[in-house]
């Protein structure tokens, strides 16, 4: 299974503290994998990295996550249930990876 698929599976499985931490480990591994690949063959500076990371600094990552939360009302407009706060926060962190 590719790193992207592993990350998505971990994200969709979040429902408690243990699964949330597993997702964070996968998100970290995904970023580390991208950094390693980018050292060998850099992507265009005008698009995402090889693993889809749009935001390569902690500042950009957090700014994107907050922008996603603001723009989607923490994904309420997409039907994300407020019942699973662990999943909601995992989506917040995942948005830091890809949201522009």
C-alpha atoms as a PDB file:
ATOM      1  CA  UNK A   1       0.000   0.000   0.000  1.00  0.00           C
ATOM      2  CA  UNK A   2       1.341   3.429  -0.901  1.00  0.00           C
ATOM      3  CA  UNK A   3       2.094   6.032   1.753  1.00  0.00           C
ATOM      4  CA  UNK A   4      -0.866   8.127   0.560  1.00  0.00           C
ATOM      5  CA  UNK A   5      -3.242   5.158   0.882  1.00  0.00           C
ATOM      6  CA  UNK A   6      -1.882   4.283   4.325  1.00  0.00           C
ATOM      7  CA  UNK A   7      -2.413   7.879   5.445  1.00  0.00           C
ATOM      8  CA  UNK A   8      -5.975   7.954   4.094  1.00  0.00           C
ATOM      9  CA  UNK A   9      -6.839   4.638   5.759  1.00  0.00           C
ATOM     10  CA  UNK A  10      -5.443   5.921   9.054  1.00  0.00           C
ATOM     11  CA  UNK A  11      -7.405   9.175   8.695  1.00  0.00           C
ATOM     12  CA  UNK A  12     -10.690   7.399   8.009  1.00  0.00           C
ATOM     13  CA  UNK A  13     -10.145   5.057  10.979  1.00  0.00           C
ATOM     14  CA  UNK A  14      -9.830   7.839  13.573  1.00  0.00           C
ATOM     15  CA  UNK A  15     -12.429   7.457  16.310  1.00  0.00           C
ATOM     16  CA  UNK A  16     -10.526   7.564  19.607  1.00  0.00           C
ATOM     17  CA  UNK A  17      -7.202   8.710  21.107  1.00  0.00           C
ATOM     18  CA  UNK A  18      -5.312   5.590  19.980  1.00  0.00           C
ATOM     19  CA  UNK A  19      -6.436   5.807  16.352  1.00  0.00           C
ATOM     20  CA  UNK A  20      -5.810   9.568  16.361  1.00  0.00           C
ATOM     21  CA  UNK A  21      -2.199   9.037  17.415  1.00  0.00           C
ATOM     22  CA  UNK A  22      -1.817   6.348  14.743  1.00  0.00           C
ATOM     23  CA  UNK A  23      -3.002   8.886  12.165  1.00  0.00           C
ATOM     24  CA  UNK A  24      -0.541  11.511  13.457  1.00  0.00           C
ATOM     25  CA  UNK A  25       2.260   8.940  13.143  1.00  0.00           C
ATOM     26  CA  UNK A  26       1.200   8.246   9.543  1.00  0.00           C
ATOM     27  CA  UNK A  27       0.999  11.971   8.762  1.00  0.00           C
ATOM     28  CA  UNK A  28       4.511  12.394  10.163  1.00  0.00           C
ATOM     29  CA  UNK A  29       5.789   9.436   8.131  1.00  0.00           C
ATOM     30  CA  UNK A  30       4.157  10.876   5.005  1.00  0.00           C
ATOM     31  CA  UNK A  31       5.942  14.206   5.499  1.00  0.00           C
ATOM     32  CA  UNK A  32       9.278  12.511   6.236  1.00  0.00           C
ATOM     33  CA  UNK A  33       8.853  10.392   3.090  1.00  0.00           C
ATOM     34  CA  UNK A  34       8.175  13.487   0.992  1.00  0.00           C
ATOM     35  CA  UNK A  35      11.179  15.371   2.388  1.00  0.00           C
ATOM     36  CA  UNK A  36      13.396  12.386   1.590  1.00  0.00           C
ATOM     37  CA  UNK A  37      12.066  12.112  -1.977  1.00  0.00           C
ATOM     38  CA  UNK A  38      12.286  15.861  -2.574  1.00  0.00           C
ATOM     39  CA  UNK A  39      15.995  15.847  -1.660  1.00  0.00           C
ATOM     40  CA  UNK A  40      16.631  13.371  -4.475  1.00  0.00           C
ATOM     41  CA  UNK A  41      14.300  14.848  -7.080  1.00  0.00           C
ATOM     42  CA  UNK A  42      12.721  18.213  -6.211  1.00  0.00           C
ATOM     43  CA  UNK A  43       9.200  18.989  -7.416  1.00  0.00           C
ATOM     44  CA  UNK A  44       8.257  22.240  -9.076  1.00  0.00           C
ATOM     45  CA  UNK A  45       8.141  25.106  -6.577  1.00  0.00           C
ATOM     46  CA  UNK A  46       4.776  26.080  -8.084  1.00  0.00           C
ATOM     47  CA  UNK A  47       2.867  22.993  -6.974  1.00  0.00           C
ATOM     48  CA  UNK A  48       2.643  20.398  -4.245  1.00  0.00           C
ATOM     49  CA  UNK A  49       5.472  18.077  -3.333  1.00  0.00           C
ATOM     50  CA  UNK A  50       5.635  14.490  -4.494  1.00  0.00           C
ATOM     51  CA  UNK A  51       3.329  13.298  -1.669  1.00  0.00           C
ATOM     52  CA  UNK A  52       0.917  16.199  -2.096  1.00  0.00           C
ATOM     53  CA  UNK A  53       2.218  18.506   0.633  1.00  0.00           C
ATOM     54  CA  UNK A  54       1.298  22.095  -0.181  1.00  0.00           C
ATOM     55  CA  UNK A  55       2.604  23.525   3.092  1.00  0.00           C
ATOM     56  CA  UNK A  56       6.185  22.719   4.013  1.00  0.00           C
ATOM     57  CA  UNK A  57       6.699  24.925   7.058  1.00  0.00           C
ATOM     58  CA  UNK A  58       4.939  24.723  10.397  1.00  0.00           C
ATOM     59  CA  UNK A  59       3.634  28.255   9.869  1.00  0.00           C
ATOM     60  CA  UNK A  60       2.134  27.427   6.467  1.00  0.00           C
ATOM     61  CA  UNK A  61       0.795  24.110   7.767  1.00  0.00           C
ATOM     62  CA  UNK A  62      -1.018  25.697  10.700  1.00  0.00           C
ATOM     63  CA  UNK A  63      -2.248  28.624   8.613  1.00  0.00           C
ATOM     64  CA  UNK A  64      -3.737  26.214   6.068  1.00  0.00           C
ATOM     65  CA  UNK A  65      -5.387  24.098   8.772  1.00  0.00           C
ATOM     66  CA  UNK A  66      -6.978  27.184  10.327  1.00  0.00           C
ATOM     67  CA  UNK A  67      -8.079  28.466   6.914  1.00  0.00           C
ATOM     68  CA  UNK A  68      -9.716  25.099   6.206  1.00  0.00           C
ATOM     69  CA  UNK A  69     -11.501  25.186   9.583  1.00  0.00           C
ATOM     70  CA  UNK A  70     -12.698  28.742   8.953  1.00  0.00           C
ATOM     71  CA  UNK A  71     -13.771  28.091   5.363  1.00  0.00           C
ATOM     72  CA  UNK A  72     -15.635  24.853   6.139  1.00  0.00           C
ATOM     73  CA  UNK A  73     -16.907  25.719   9.621  1.00  0.00           C
ATOM     74  CA  UNK A  74     -14.696  22.867  10.790  1.00  0.00           C
ATOM     75  CA  UNK A  75     -16.209  20.748   8.024  1.00  0.00           C
ATOM     76  CA  UNK A  76     -19.758  21.147   9.355  1.00  0.00           C
ATOM     77  CA  UNK A  77     -20.822  22.328   5.890  1.00  0.00           C
ATOM     78  CA  UNK A  78     -19.574  19.005   4.487  1.00  0.00           C
ATOM     79  CA  UNK A  79     -21.681  16.995   6.911  1.00  0.00           C
ATOM     80  CA  UNK A  80     -18.885  15.977   9.282  1.00  0.00           C
ATOM     81  CA  UNK A  81     -20.488  14.935  12.528  1.00  0.00           C
ATOM     82  CA  UNK A  82     -19.531  16.760  15.688  1.00  0.00           C
ATOM     83  CA  UNK A  83     -19.836  13.451  17.554  1.00  0.00           C
ATOM     84  CA  UNK A  84     -16.326  12.270  16.676  1.00  0.00           C
ATOM     85  CA  UNK A  85     -14.030  15.067  17.787  1.00  0.00           C
ATOM     86  CA  UNK A  86     -10.928  12.885  17.291  1.00  0.00           C
ATOM     87  CA  UNK A  87     -11.765  12.497  13.606  1.00  0.00           C
ATOM     88  CA  UNK A  88     -12.571  16.180  13.307  1.00  0.00           C
ATOM     89  CA  UNK A  89      -9.169  17.157  14.675  1.00  0.00           C
ATOM     90  CA  UNK A  90      -7.463  14.595  12.422  1.00  0.00           C
ATOM     91  CA  UNK A  91      -9.185  16.234   9.432  1.00  0.00           C
ATOM     92  CA  UNK A  92      -7.920  19.601  10.718  1.00  0.00           C
ATOM     93  CA  UNK A  93      -4.337  18.310  10.719  1.00  0.00           C
ATOM     94  CA  UNK A  94      -4.747  16.652   7.328  1.00  0.00           C
ATOM     95  CA  UNK A  95      -5.987  19.959   5.908  1.00  0.00           C
ATOM     96  CA  UNK A  96      -2.679  21.486   6.975  1.00  0.00           C
ATOM     97  CA  UNK A  97      -1.029  19.193   4.448  1.00  0.00           C
ATOM     98  CA  UNK A  98      -3.117  20.054   1.410  1.00  0.00           C
ATOM     99  CA  UNK A  99      -5.305  23.115   1.928  1.00  0.00           C
ATOM    100  CA  UNK A 100      -4.220  26.306   0.203  1.00  0.00           C
END
